[in-house]
């Protein structure tokens, strides 16, 4: 009987660990609203669009409305594209040989699971998670803390709000909705080819 209880305990524990480690899906897409405080005016700048993520370190944000633009980051380069404002005026594309985008690196780090590890410690309160980064985590990711708020249970598909505090004290706020997990994403999403009539800088 004791042996049976021990086996059940091991199975339950392994399932729980697997669930934690599988918190962040390998791919997902979602609609987002980003809120950021302007440094000079202190006003809240709001932008929205669609987000695509694929592990490791691949992310694409398509901003809509007045701030229409595309940001792409992969393990080798980042691209930021602003389409032409008027017909006949060139669009603007900036390319950097870097993959230091905070949001994709944060999502990558969550593959370690919702448990304390060498990068961060985790505190849970009801439908909220507080993630506090260790010295190594801050060095690697340039992030101090993160707060995740969920609609219901602690499942990625229920993630509603995400706040990240960077090591320079800058705060990034994202509201997510219509999250679709483990979707098949075209690999071309995480690269960028400049349209005709685009001015490119490096």
N, C-alpha and C. Protein backbone atom coordinates (compact mmCIF):
# COMPACT_ATOMS: atom_id res chain seq x y z
N UNK A 1 0.83 -1.21 0.00
CA UNK A 1 0.00 0.00 0.00
C UNK A 1 0.87 1.26 0.00
N UNK A 2 1.89 1.25 0.88
CA UNK A 2 2.80 2.40 0.94
C UNK A 2 3.51 2.60 -0.39
N UNK A 3 3.88 1.47 -1.03
CA UNK A 3 4.57 1.54 -2.32
C UNK A 3 3.66 2.18 -3.37
N UNK A 4 2.36 1.80 -3.36
CA UNK A 4 1.40 2.35 -4.30
C UNK A 4 1.24 3.85 -4.10
N UNK A 5 1.14 4.28 -2.84
CA UNK A 5 1.01 5.71 -2.53
C UNK A 5 2.23 6.47 -3.02
N UNK A 6 3.40 5.87 -2.83
CA UNK A 6 4.66 6.52 -3.26
C UNK A 6 4.69 6.68 -4.78
N UNK A 7 4.24 5.65 -5.51
CA UNK A 7 4.21 5.71 -6.98
C UNK A 7 3.25 6.79 -7.45
N UNK A 8 2.06 6.87 -6.81
CA UNK A 8 1.08 7.90 -7.16
C UNK A 8 1.64 9.28 -6.90
N UNK A 9 2.37 9.43 -5.79
CA UNK A 9 3.00 10.71 -5.46
C UNK A 9 4.01 11.12 -6.52
N UNK A 10 4.84 10.16 -6.97
CA UNK A 10 5.84 10.46 -8.00
C UNK A 10 5.20 10.87 -9.30
N UNK A 11 4.14 10.17 -9.69
CA UNK A 11 3.44 10.50 -10.94
C UNK A 11 2.81 11.89 -10.84
N UNK A 12 2.13 12.17 -9.73
CA UNK A 12 1.50 13.48 -9.54
C UNK A 12 2.52 14.59 -9.55
N UNK A 13 3.64 14.36 -8.88
CA UNK A 13 4.69 15.37 -8.81
C UNK A 13 5.30 15.64 -10.17
N UNK A 14 5.50 14.57 -10.96
CA UNK A 14 6.08 14.75 -12.30
C UNK A 14 5.12 15.49 -13.21
N UNK A 15 3.82 15.20 -13.07
CA UNK A 15 2.82 15.91 -13.89
C UNK A 15 2.78 17.38 -13.52
N UNK A 16 2.87 17.68 -12.22
CA UNK A 16 2.86 19.06 -11.77
C UNK A 16 4.08 19.80 -12.29
N UNK A 17 5.25 19.16 -12.20
CA UNK A 17 6.48 19.78 -12.70
C UNK A 17 6.39 20.01 -14.19
N UNK A 18 5.86 19.02 -14.93
CA UNK A 18 5.75 19.18 -16.37
C UNK A 18 4.85 20.35 -16.70
N UNK A 19 3.72 20.46 -15.96
CA UNK A 19 2.79 21.57 -16.21
C UNK A 19 3.46 22.91 -16.01
N UNK A 20 4.27 23.00 -14.96
CA UNK A 20 4.95 24.26 -14.67
C UNK A 20 5.94 24.59 -15.77
N UNK A 21 6.73 23.58 -16.19
CA UNK A 21 7.76 23.83 -17.19
C UNK A 21 7.13 24.14 -18.55
N UNK A 22 5.89 23.70 -18.76
CA UNK A 22 5.23 23.92 -20.03
C UNK A 22 4.35 25.16 -20.02
N UNK A 23 4.52 26.03 -19.04
CA UNK A 23 3.67 27.21 -18.93
C UNK A 23 3.69 28.05 -20.19
N UNK A 24 4.85 28.35 -20.73
CA UNK A 24 4.94 29.17 -21.94
C UNK A 24 4.93 28.23 -23.15
N UNK A 25 3.97 28.38 -24.05
CA UNK A 25 3.95 27.51 -25.23
C UNK A 25 5.11 27.82 -26.18
N UNK A 26 5.43 26.89 -27.03
CA UNK A 26 6.54 27.11 -27.97
C UNK A 26 6.18 28.20 -28.96
N UNK A 27 4.91 28.30 -29.32
CA UNK A 27 4.44 29.39 -30.18
C UNK A 27 3.12 29.91 -29.64
N UNK A 28 2.87 31.19 -29.88
CA UNK A 28 1.54 31.73 -29.60
C UNK A 28 1.37 33.04 -30.37
N UNK A 29 0.14 33.44 -30.52
CA UNK A 29 -0.18 34.75 -31.09
C UNK A 29 -1.31 35.35 -30.26
N UNK A 30 -1.36 36.68 -30.22
CA UNK A 30 -2.35 37.35 -29.39
C UNK A 30 -2.53 38.78 -29.84
N UNK A 31 -3.66 39.36 -29.51
CA UNK A 31 -3.85 40.80 -29.66
C UNK A 31 -3.31 41.47 -28.41
N UNK A 32 -2.78 42.67 -28.54
CA UNK A 32 -2.21 43.33 -27.37
C UNK A 32 -2.52 44.81 -27.36
N UNK A 33 -2.47 45.37 -26.15
CA UNK A 33 -2.48 46.81 -25.95
C UNK A 33 -1.25 47.12 -25.11
N UNK A 34 -0.39 47.98 -25.61
CA UNK A 34 0.84 48.36 -24.90
C UNK A 34 0.69 49.76 -24.34
N UNK A 35 1.05 49.93 -23.07
CA UNK A 35 0.99 51.24 -22.43
C UNK A 35 2.38 51.58 -21.90
N UNK A 36 2.83 52.80 -22.22
CA UNK A 36 4.16 53.22 -21.83
C UNK A 36 4.15 54.71 -21.48
N UNK A 37 4.82 55.06 -20.39
CA UNK A 37 4.85 56.46 -19.97
C UNK A 37 5.95 57.22 -20.71
N UNK A 38 5.59 58.32 -21.34
CA UNK A 38 6.56 59.15 -22.06
C UNK A 38 7.53 59.77 -21.06
N UNK A 39 8.83 59.76 -21.39
CA UNK A 39 9.85 60.25 -20.47
C UNK A 39 9.71 61.75 -20.22
N UNK A 40 9.48 62.54 -21.27
CA UNK A 40 9.43 63.99 -21.13
C UNK A 40 8.10 64.49 -20.58
N UNK A 41 7.00 64.07 -21.19
CA UNK A 41 5.69 64.60 -20.79
C UNK A 41 5.05 63.85 -19.63
N UNK A 42 5.44 62.59 -19.44
CA UNK A 42 4.83 61.78 -18.39
C UNK A 42 3.49 61.21 -18.79
N UNK A 43 3.04 61.50 -20.00
CA UNK A 43 1.75 61.00 -20.47
C UNK A 43 1.86 59.51 -20.82
N UNK A 44 0.73 58.82 -20.71
CA UNK A 44 0.69 57.40 -21.07
C UNK A 44 0.44 57.27 -22.57
N UNK A 45 1.37 56.63 -23.24
CA UNK A 45 1.24 56.39 -24.69
C UNK A 45 0.67 54.99 -24.88
N UNK A 46 -0.43 54.91 -25.59
CA UNK A 46 -1.13 53.64 -25.79
C UNK A 46 -1.03 53.21 -27.25
N UNK A 47 -0.65 51.98 -27.48
CA UNK A 47 -0.60 51.43 -28.84
C UNK A 47 -1.14 50.01 -28.80
N UNK A 48 -1.65 49.55 -29.92
CA UNK A 48 -2.22 48.21 -29.96
C UNK A 48 -1.91 47.53 -31.27
N UNK A 49 -2.09 46.21 -31.28
CA UNK A 49 -1.80 45.46 -32.48
C UNK A 49 -1.84 43.97 -32.22
N UNK A 50 -1.02 43.24 -32.98
CA UNK A 50 -0.99 41.78 -32.88
C UNK A 50 0.44 41.32 -32.64
N UNK A 51 0.57 40.31 -31.79
CA UNK A 51 1.88 39.80 -31.39
C UNK A 51 2.00 38.33 -31.79
N UNK A 52 3.20 37.96 -32.27
CA UNK A 52 3.50 36.57 -32.62
C UNK A 52 4.81 36.19 -31.93
N UNK A 53 4.85 35.01 -31.30
CA UNK A 53 6.07 34.58 -30.59
C UNK A 53 6.37 33.13 -30.93
N UNK A 54 7.67 32.85 -31.07
CA UNK A 54 8.13 31.47 -31.23
C UNK A 54 9.43 31.30 -30.46
N UNK A 55 9.49 30.27 -29.64
CA UNK A 55 10.71 29.98 -28.90
C UNK A 55 11.74 29.35 -29.83
N UNK A 56 13.02 29.77 -29.75
CA UNK A 56 13.56 30.78 -28.85
C UNK A 56 13.75 32.15 -29.51
N UNK A 57 13.44 33.19 -28.79
CA UNK A 57 13.82 34.58 -29.13
C UNK A 57 13.31 35.07 -30.47
N UNK A 58 12.11 34.64 -30.86
CA UNK A 58 11.53 35.15 -32.10
C UNK A 58 10.20 35.82 -31.76
N UNK A 59 10.08 37.08 -32.12
CA UNK A 59 8.86 37.82 -31.80
C UNK A 59 8.58 38.83 -32.90
N UNK A 60 7.30 39.08 -33.12
CA UNK A 60 6.86 40.07 -34.12
C UNK A 60 5.69 40.83 -33.54
N UNK A 61 5.77 42.16 -33.55
CA UNK A 61 4.68 43.01 -33.11
C UNK A 61 4.25 43.88 -34.29
N UNK A 62 2.99 43.78 -34.65
CA UNK A 62 2.43 44.59 -35.73
C UNK A 62 1.52 45.64 -35.09
N UNK A 63 2.01 46.87 -35.04
CA UNK A 63 1.26 47.97 -34.43
C UNK A 63 0.27 48.54 -35.43
N UNK A 64 -0.92 48.87 -34.93
CA UNK A 64 -1.98 49.40 -35.79
C UNK A 64 -2.30 50.83 -35.42
N UNK A 65 -3.25 51.43 -36.14
CA UNK A 65 -3.68 52.79 -35.84
C UNK A 65 -2.67 53.83 -36.26
N UNK A 66 -2.60 54.92 -35.47
CA UNK A 66 -1.70 56.03 -35.81
C UNK A 66 -0.23 55.64 -35.73
N UNK A 67 0.07 54.62 -34.92
CA UNK A 67 1.45 54.19 -34.73
C UNK A 67 1.75 52.95 -35.58
N UNK A 68 1.18 52.90 -36.78
CA UNK A 68 1.33 51.72 -37.63
C UNK A 68 2.81 51.46 -37.91
N UNK A 69 3.26 50.27 -37.54
CA UNK A 69 4.66 49.90 -37.72
C UNK A 69 4.80 48.41 -37.46
N UNK A 70 5.98 47.87 -37.77
CA UNK A 70 6.26 46.45 -37.55
C UNK A 70 7.60 46.32 -36.85
N UNK A 71 7.63 45.55 -35.77
CA UNK A 71 8.88 45.26 -35.08
C UNK A 71 9.10 43.75 -35.10
N UNK A 72 10.28 43.34 -35.54
CA UNK A 72 10.62 41.92 -35.62
C UNK A 72 11.96 41.69 -34.94
N UNK A 73 12.05 40.64 -34.13
CA UNK A 73 13.32 40.29 -33.49
C UNK A 73 13.50 38.78 -33.59
N UNK A 74 14.69 38.37 -34.02
CA UNK A 74 15.05 36.96 -34.03
C UNK A 74 16.43 36.82 -33.37
N UNK A 75 16.98 35.61 -33.24
CA UNK A 75 18.25 35.47 -32.52
C UNK A 75 19.43 36.21 -33.14
N UNK A 76 19.25 36.77 -34.33
CA UNK A 76 20.37 37.39 -35.03
C UNK A 76 20.21 38.89 -35.29
N UNK A 77 18.96 39.33 -35.54
CA UNK A 77 18.74 40.72 -35.90
C UNK A 77 17.41 41.22 -35.37
N UNK A 78 17.28 42.55 -35.30
CA UNK A 78 15.98 43.17 -35.05
C UNK A 78 15.68 44.12 -36.21
N UNK A 79 14.40 44.24 -36.54
CA UNK A 79 13.94 45.10 -37.62
C UNK A 79 12.83 46.00 -37.09
N UNK A 80 12.89 47.27 -37.41
CA UNK A 80 11.80 48.18 -37.06
C UNK A 80 11.43 48.95 -38.32
N UNK A 81 10.18 48.75 -38.77
CA UNK A 81 9.73 49.32 -40.03
C UNK A 81 8.56 50.27 -39.83
N UNK A 82 8.71 51.47 -40.38
CA UNK A 82 7.62 52.46 -40.41
C UNK A 82 7.23 52.67 -41.86
N UNK A 83 5.99 52.35 -42.22
CA UNK A 83 5.56 52.52 -43.62
C UNK A 83 5.47 54.00 -43.99
N UNK A 84 5.42 54.30 -45.28
CA UNK A 84 5.32 55.70 -45.72
C UNK A 84 4.08 56.38 -45.16
N UNK A 85 4.24 57.63 -44.75
CA UNK A 85 3.10 58.41 -44.26
C UNK A 85 2.27 58.91 -45.43
N UNK A 86 2.95 59.32 -46.49
CA UNK A 86 2.28 59.81 -47.69
C UNK A 86 2.79 59.03 -48.91
N UNK A 87 1.97 58.98 -49.94
CA UNK A 87 2.36 58.30 -51.17
C UNK A 87 3.57 59.01 -51.79
N UNK A 88 4.55 58.23 -52.20
CA UNK A 88 5.74 58.80 -52.81
C UNK A 88 6.86 59.07 -51.82
N UNK A 89 6.54 59.03 -50.52
CA UNK A 89 7.55 59.21 -49.47
C UNK A 89 8.07 57.84 -49.07
N UNK A 90 9.39 57.66 -48.90
CA UNK A 90 9.91 56.33 -48.56
C UNK A 90 9.56 55.90 -47.14
N UNK A 91 9.39 54.59 -46.95
CA UNK A 91 9.25 54.05 -45.62
C UNK A 91 10.62 54.01 -44.94
N UNK A 92 10.64 53.74 -43.65
CA UNK A 92 11.89 53.72 -42.90
C UNK A 92 12.09 52.35 -42.24
N UNK A 93 13.26 51.76 -42.46
CA UNK A 93 13.58 50.47 -41.86
C UNK A 93 14.92 50.59 -41.14
N UNK A 94 14.92 50.20 -39.86
CA UNK A 94 16.16 50.17 -39.06
C UNK A 94 16.49 48.72 -38.72
N UNK A 95 17.71 48.32 -39.02
CA UNK A 95 18.16 46.94 -38.76
C UNK A 95 19.32 46.98 -37.77
N UNK A 96 19.21 46.17 -36.72
CA UNK A 96 20.30 46.04 -35.75
C UNK A 96 20.72 44.58 -35.63
N UNK A 97 22.02 44.36 -35.49
CA UNK A 97 22.53 43.01 -35.29
C UNK A 97 22.51 42.70 -33.80
N UNK A 98 21.32 42.45 -33.31
CA UNK A 98 21.15 42.21 -31.87
C UNK A 98 19.84 41.48 -31.65
N UNK A 99 19.75 40.75 -30.55
CA UNK A 99 18.48 40.10 -30.20
C UNK A 99 18.13 40.40 -28.75
N UNK A 100 18.42 41.63 -28.33
CA UNK A 100 18.24 41.99 -26.93
C UNK A 100 16.87 42.58 -26.63
N UNK A 101 15.83 42.12 -27.30
CA UNK A 101 14.51 42.66 -27.03
C UNK A 101 13.97 42.05 -25.73
N UNK A 102 13.58 42.91 -24.81
CA UNK A 102 13.23 42.46 -23.46
C UNK A 102 12.06 41.47 -23.45
N UNK A 103 11.04 41.72 -24.24
CA UNK A 103 9.83 40.91 -24.15
C UNK A 103 10.09 39.48 -24.60
N UNK A 104 10.79 39.29 -25.73
CA UNK A 104 11.06 37.93 -26.20
C UNK A 104 11.99 37.19 -25.24
N UNK A 105 12.97 37.89 -24.66
CA UNK A 105 13.87 37.26 -23.71
C UNK A 105 13.12 36.88 -22.43
N UNK A 106 12.14 37.71 -22.05
CA UNK A 106 11.33 37.39 -20.88
C UNK A 106 10.52 36.12 -21.13
N UNK A 107 9.84 36.05 -22.29
CA UNK A 107 9.08 34.85 -22.62
C UNK A 107 9.99 33.63 -22.67
N UNK A 108 11.18 33.78 -23.24
CA UNK A 108 12.14 32.67 -23.27
C UNK A 108 12.44 32.16 -21.87
N UNK A 109 12.63 33.08 -20.94
CA UNK A 109 13.02 32.71 -19.57
C UNK A 109 11.93 31.88 -18.89
N UNK A 110 10.66 32.07 -19.29
CA UNK A 110 9.56 31.34 -18.66
C UNK A 110 9.53 29.87 -19.02
N UNK A 111 10.38 29.46 -19.96
CA UNK A 111 10.50 28.03 -20.26
C UNK A 111 11.08 27.29 -19.06
N UNK A 112 11.68 28.04 -18.13
CA UNK A 112 12.20 27.42 -16.90
C UNK A 112 11.08 27.05 -15.93
N UNK A 113 9.85 27.49 -16.24
CA UNK A 113 8.71 27.13 -15.41
C UNK A 113 8.36 28.17 -14.37
N UNK A 114 7.20 27.99 -13.76
CA UNK A 114 6.72 28.91 -12.74
C UNK A 114 7.20 28.47 -11.37
N UNK A 115 8.49 28.33 -11.25
CA UNK A 115 9.11 27.95 -9.98
C UNK A 115 10.44 28.67 -9.89
N UNK A 116 10.89 28.93 -8.70
CA UNK A 116 12.13 29.67 -8.51
C UNK A 116 13.31 28.90 -9.11
N UNK A 117 14.21 29.62 -9.75
CA UNK A 117 15.38 29.02 -10.39
C UNK A 117 16.52 30.03 -10.37
N UNK A 118 17.57 29.79 -11.12
CA UNK A 118 18.74 30.66 -11.06
C UNK A 118 18.49 32.05 -11.64
N UNK A 119 17.42 32.20 -12.44
CA UNK A 119 17.11 33.49 -13.05
C UNK A 119 16.14 34.33 -12.22
N UNK A 120 15.20 33.69 -11.53
CA UNK A 120 14.18 34.44 -10.80
C UNK A 120 13.53 33.61 -9.70
N UNK A 121 12.88 34.31 -8.79
CA UNK A 121 12.02 33.66 -7.80
C UNK A 121 10.58 34.01 -8.12
N UNK A 122 9.65 33.15 -7.71
CA UNK A 122 8.23 33.31 -8.06
C UNK A 122 7.38 33.36 -6.79
N UNK A 123 6.49 34.34 -6.73
CA UNK A 123 5.53 34.45 -5.63
C UNK A 123 4.12 34.49 -6.24
N UNK A 124 3.23 33.63 -5.73
CA UNK A 124 1.87 33.57 -6.25
C UNK A 124 0.88 34.06 -5.22
N UNK A 125 -0.09 34.87 -5.67
CA UNK A 125 -1.17 35.35 -4.82
C UNK A 125 -2.45 35.36 -5.63
N UNK A 126 -3.33 34.40 -5.35
CA UNK A 126 -4.59 34.28 -6.07
C UNK A 126 -4.33 34.15 -7.57
N UNK A 127 -4.80 35.11 -8.36
CA UNK A 127 -4.63 35.03 -9.82
C UNK A 127 -3.47 35.90 -10.30
N UNK A 128 -2.49 36.12 -9.42
CA UNK A 128 -1.37 36.99 -9.76
C UNK A 128 -0.04 36.31 -9.44
N UNK A 129 0.94 36.51 -10.32
CA UNK A 129 2.29 36.02 -10.09
C UNK A 129 3.25 37.19 -10.07
N UNK A 130 4.13 37.22 -9.09
CA UNK A 130 5.21 38.20 -9.05
C UNK A 130 6.52 37.47 -9.29
N UNK A 131 7.26 37.93 -10.27
CA UNK A 131 8.55 37.32 -10.60
C UNK A 131 9.65 38.32 -10.28
N UNK A 132 10.57 37.92 -9.41
CA UNK A 132 11.66 38.79 -8.99
C UNK A 132 12.96 38.18 -9.51
N UNK A 133 13.69 38.92 -10.33
CA UNK A 133 14.87 38.38 -10.97
C UNK A 133 16.08 38.43 -10.05
N UNK A 134 16.90 37.38 -10.15
CA UNK A 134 18.13 37.30 -9.38
C UNK A 134 19.20 38.18 -10.03
N UNK A 135 20.34 38.24 -9.40
CA UNK A 135 21.45 39.02 -9.96
C UNK A 135 21.81 38.51 -11.36
N UNK A 136 21.84 37.20 -11.52
CA UNK A 136 22.12 36.61 -12.83
C UNK A 136 21.02 36.95 -13.83
N UNK A 137 19.75 36.87 -13.37
CA UNK A 137 18.63 37.19 -14.24
C UNK A 137 18.67 38.63 -14.72
N UNK A 138 19.01 39.54 -13.81
CA UNK A 138 19.09 40.96 -14.17
C UNK A 138 20.22 41.19 -15.17
N UNK A 139 21.36 40.53 -14.95
CA UNK A 139 22.50 40.66 -15.86
C UNK A 139 22.16 40.12 -17.25
N UNK A 140 21.51 38.96 -17.29
CA UNK A 140 21.20 38.31 -18.57
C UNK A 140 20.06 38.98 -19.32
N UNK A 141 19.02 39.41 -18.58
CA UNK A 141 17.79 39.87 -19.23
C UNK A 141 17.55 41.38 -19.13
N UNK A 142 18.27 42.05 -18.22
CA UNK A 142 18.06 43.48 -17.99
C UNK A 142 16.66 43.77 -17.46
N UNK A 143 16.10 42.82 -16.70
CA UNK A 143 14.76 42.95 -16.12
C UNK A 143 14.87 42.80 -14.60
N UNK A 144 14.18 43.67 -13.87
CA UNK A 144 14.17 43.59 -12.41
C UNK A 144 13.02 42.72 -11.89
N UNK A 145 11.81 43.04 -12.32
CA UNK A 145 10.63 42.31 -11.85
C UNK A 145 9.60 42.18 -12.97
N UNK A 146 8.66 41.29 -12.76
CA UNK A 146 7.52 41.16 -13.67
C UNK A 146 6.29 40.76 -12.86
N UNK A 147 5.15 41.25 -13.29
CA UNK A 147 3.88 40.90 -12.65
C UNK A 147 2.94 40.37 -13.72
N UNK A 148 2.39 39.18 -13.48
CA UNK A 148 1.45 38.56 -14.41
C UNK A 148 0.10 38.42 -13.73
N UNK A 149 -0.93 38.90 -14.39
CA UNK A 149 -2.30 38.80 -13.86
C UNK A 149 -3.14 37.97 -14.82
N UNK A 150 -3.90 37.01 -14.25
CA UNK A 150 -4.66 36.06 -15.04
C UNK A 150 -6.16 36.26 -14.85
N UNK A 151 -6.93 35.88 -15.86
CA UNK A 151 -8.39 35.99 -15.77
C UNK A 151 -8.93 34.98 -14.76
N UNK A 152 -8.45 33.74 -14.86
CA UNK A 152 -8.96 32.67 -13.99
C UNK A 152 -7.78 31.95 -13.35
N UNK A 153 -7.49 30.76 -13.89
CA UNK A 153 -6.39 29.98 -13.34
C UNK A 153 -5.04 30.44 -13.87
N UNK A 154 -3.98 29.86 -13.29
CA UNK A 154 -2.63 30.20 -13.71
C UNK A 154 -2.29 29.36 -14.94
N UNK A 155 -2.79 29.81 -16.09
CA UNK A 155 -2.51 29.16 -17.37
C UNK A 155 -2.20 30.26 -18.37
N UNK A 156 -1.26 29.99 -19.27
CA UNK A 156 -0.83 31.04 -20.19
C UNK A 156 -1.99 31.58 -21.02
N UNK A 157 -2.90 30.72 -21.43
CA UNK A 157 -4.03 31.16 -22.25
C UNK A 157 -4.96 32.10 -21.48
N UNK A 158 -4.82 32.14 -20.15
CA UNK A 158 -5.63 33.04 -19.31
C UNK A 158 -4.88 34.31 -18.91
N UNK A 159 -3.65 34.49 -19.42
CA UNK A 159 -2.87 35.68 -19.08
C UNK A 159 -3.57 36.92 -19.63
N UNK A 160 -3.79 37.89 -18.76
CA UNK A 160 -4.54 39.09 -19.13
C UNK A 160 -3.67 40.34 -19.13
N UNK A 161 -2.81 40.47 -18.12
CA UNK A 161 -1.96 41.66 -18.02
C UNK A 161 -0.53 41.25 -17.66
N UNK A 162 0.41 41.98 -18.24
CA UNK A 162 1.82 41.73 -17.99
C UNK A 162 2.53 43.06 -17.79
N UNK A 163 3.20 43.20 -16.65
CA UNK A 163 3.98 44.40 -16.38
C UNK A 163 5.43 44.00 -16.12
N UNK A 164 6.34 44.63 -16.86
CA UNK A 164 7.76 44.33 -16.73
C UNK A 164 8.50 45.60 -16.33
N UNK A 165 9.32 45.50 -15.27
CA UNK A 165 10.17 46.61 -14.86
C UNK A 165 11.61 46.31 -15.28
N UNK A 166 12.15 47.15 -16.15
CA UNK A 166 13.50 46.95 -16.66
C UNK A 166 14.53 47.44 -15.66
N UNK A 167 15.79 47.11 -15.91
CA UNK A 167 16.85 47.50 -14.96
C UNK A 167 17.12 49.00 -14.97
N UNK A 168 16.59 49.71 -15.97
CA UNK A 168 16.71 51.18 -15.98
C UNK A 168 15.46 51.85 -15.39
N UNK A 169 14.62 51.02 -14.71
CA UNK A 169 13.39 51.46 -14.03
C UNK A 169 12.23 51.75 -15.00
N UNK A 170 12.44 51.55 -16.27
CA UNK A 170 11.36 51.74 -17.25
C UNK A 170 10.33 50.64 -17.06
N UNK A 171 9.04 51.01 -17.16
CA UNK A 171 7.93 50.06 -16.97
C UNK A 171 7.25 49.80 -18.31
N UNK A 172 7.09 48.52 -18.65
CA UNK A 172 6.35 48.13 -19.84
C UNK A 172 5.06 47.44 -19.42
N UNK A 173 3.94 47.89 -19.93
CA UNK A 173 2.65 47.28 -19.61
C UNK A 173 2.01 46.73 -20.88
N UNK A 174 1.61 45.46 -20.82
CA UNK A 174 0.92 44.83 -21.93
C UNK A 174 -0.38 44.22 -21.43
N UNK A 175 -1.46 44.45 -22.17
CA UNK A 175 -2.71 43.74 -21.95
C UNK A 175 -2.89 42.80 -23.12
N UNK A 176 -3.12 41.52 -22.84
CA UNK A 176 -3.24 40.51 -23.89
C UNK A 176 -4.67 39.98 -23.95
N UNK A 177 -5.12 39.69 -25.14
CA UNK A 177 -6.42 39.05 -25.31
C UNK A 177 -6.41 38.21 -26.58
N UNK A 178 -7.38 37.34 -26.69
CA UNK A 178 -7.48 36.42 -27.83
C UNK A 178 -6.17 35.65 -28.04
N UNK A 179 -5.64 35.10 -26.94
CA UNK A 179 -4.39 34.34 -27.03
C UNK A 179 -4.66 32.99 -27.69
N UNK A 180 -3.87 32.68 -28.71
CA UNK A 180 -3.95 31.39 -29.39
C UNK A 180 -2.61 30.70 -29.20
N UNK A 181 -2.59 29.54 -28.55
CA UNK A 181 -1.32 28.89 -28.23
C UNK A 181 -1.01 27.75 -29.20
N UNK A 182 0.28 27.48 -29.34
CA UNK A 182 0.79 26.39 -30.18
C UNK A 182 0.25 26.46 -31.61
N UNK A 183 0.18 27.67 -32.13
CA UNK A 183 -0.25 27.85 -33.51
C UNK A 183 0.93 27.62 -34.46
N UNK A 184 0.63 27.23 -35.68
CA UNK A 184 1.68 27.03 -36.67
C UNK A 184 1.99 28.37 -37.32
N UNK A 185 3.19 28.88 -37.06
CA UNK A 185 3.57 30.20 -37.56
C UNK A 185 4.54 30.08 -38.72
N UNK A 186 4.30 30.88 -39.74
CA UNK A 186 5.20 30.91 -40.90
C UNK A 186 6.55 31.47 -40.48
N UNK A 187 7.64 30.81 -40.86
CA UNK A 187 8.97 31.26 -40.44
C UNK A 187 9.33 32.64 -40.99
N UNK A 188 8.64 33.05 -42.07
CA UNK A 188 8.93 34.38 -42.63
C UNK A 188 8.45 35.50 -41.72
N UNK A 189 7.60 35.18 -40.74
CA UNK A 189 7.13 36.20 -39.80
C UNK A 189 8.29 36.82 -39.02
N UNK A 190 9.35 36.04 -38.80
CA UNK A 190 10.42 36.47 -37.91
C UNK A 190 11.67 36.93 -38.68
N UNK A 191 11.42 37.34 -39.91
CA UNK A 191 12.43 38.03 -40.70
C UNK A 191 11.71 39.17 -41.38
N UNK A 192 12.42 40.03 -42.05
CA UNK A 192 11.74 41.16 -42.69
C UNK A 192 12.46 41.57 -43.96
N UNK A 193 11.69 41.64 -45.03
CA UNK A 193 12.22 42.11 -46.31
C UNK A 193 11.62 43.47 -46.59
N UNK A 194 12.47 44.43 -46.84
CA UNK A 194 12.01 45.81 -47.04
C UNK A 194 11.20 45.92 -48.32
N UNK A 195 10.01 46.53 -48.26
CA UNK A 195 9.25 46.81 -49.47
C UNK A 195 10.01 47.80 -50.35
N UNK A 196 9.58 47.91 -51.59
CA UNK A 196 10.17 48.93 -52.47
C UNK A 196 9.94 50.32 -51.88
N UNK A 197 10.82 51.22 -52.23
CA UNK A 197 10.76 52.60 -51.73
C UNK A 197 10.88 52.64 -50.20
N UNK A 198 11.94 51.98 -49.71
CA UNK A 198 12.22 51.97 -48.27
C UNK A 198 13.65 52.45 -48.04
N UNK A 199 13.81 53.35 -47.10
CA UNK A 199 15.14 53.83 -46.72
C UNK A 199 15.61 52.99 -45.53
N UNK A 200 16.76 52.32 -45.67
CA UNK A 200 17.25 51.40 -44.64
C UNK A 200 18.47 51.97 -43.94
N UNK A 201 18.49 51.87 -42.63
CA UNK A 201 19.65 52.28 -41.84
C UNK A 201 20.06 51.15 -40.91
N UNK A 202 21.36 51.14 -40.54
CA UNK A 202 21.91 50.07 -39.70
C UNK A 202 22.53 50.65 -38.44
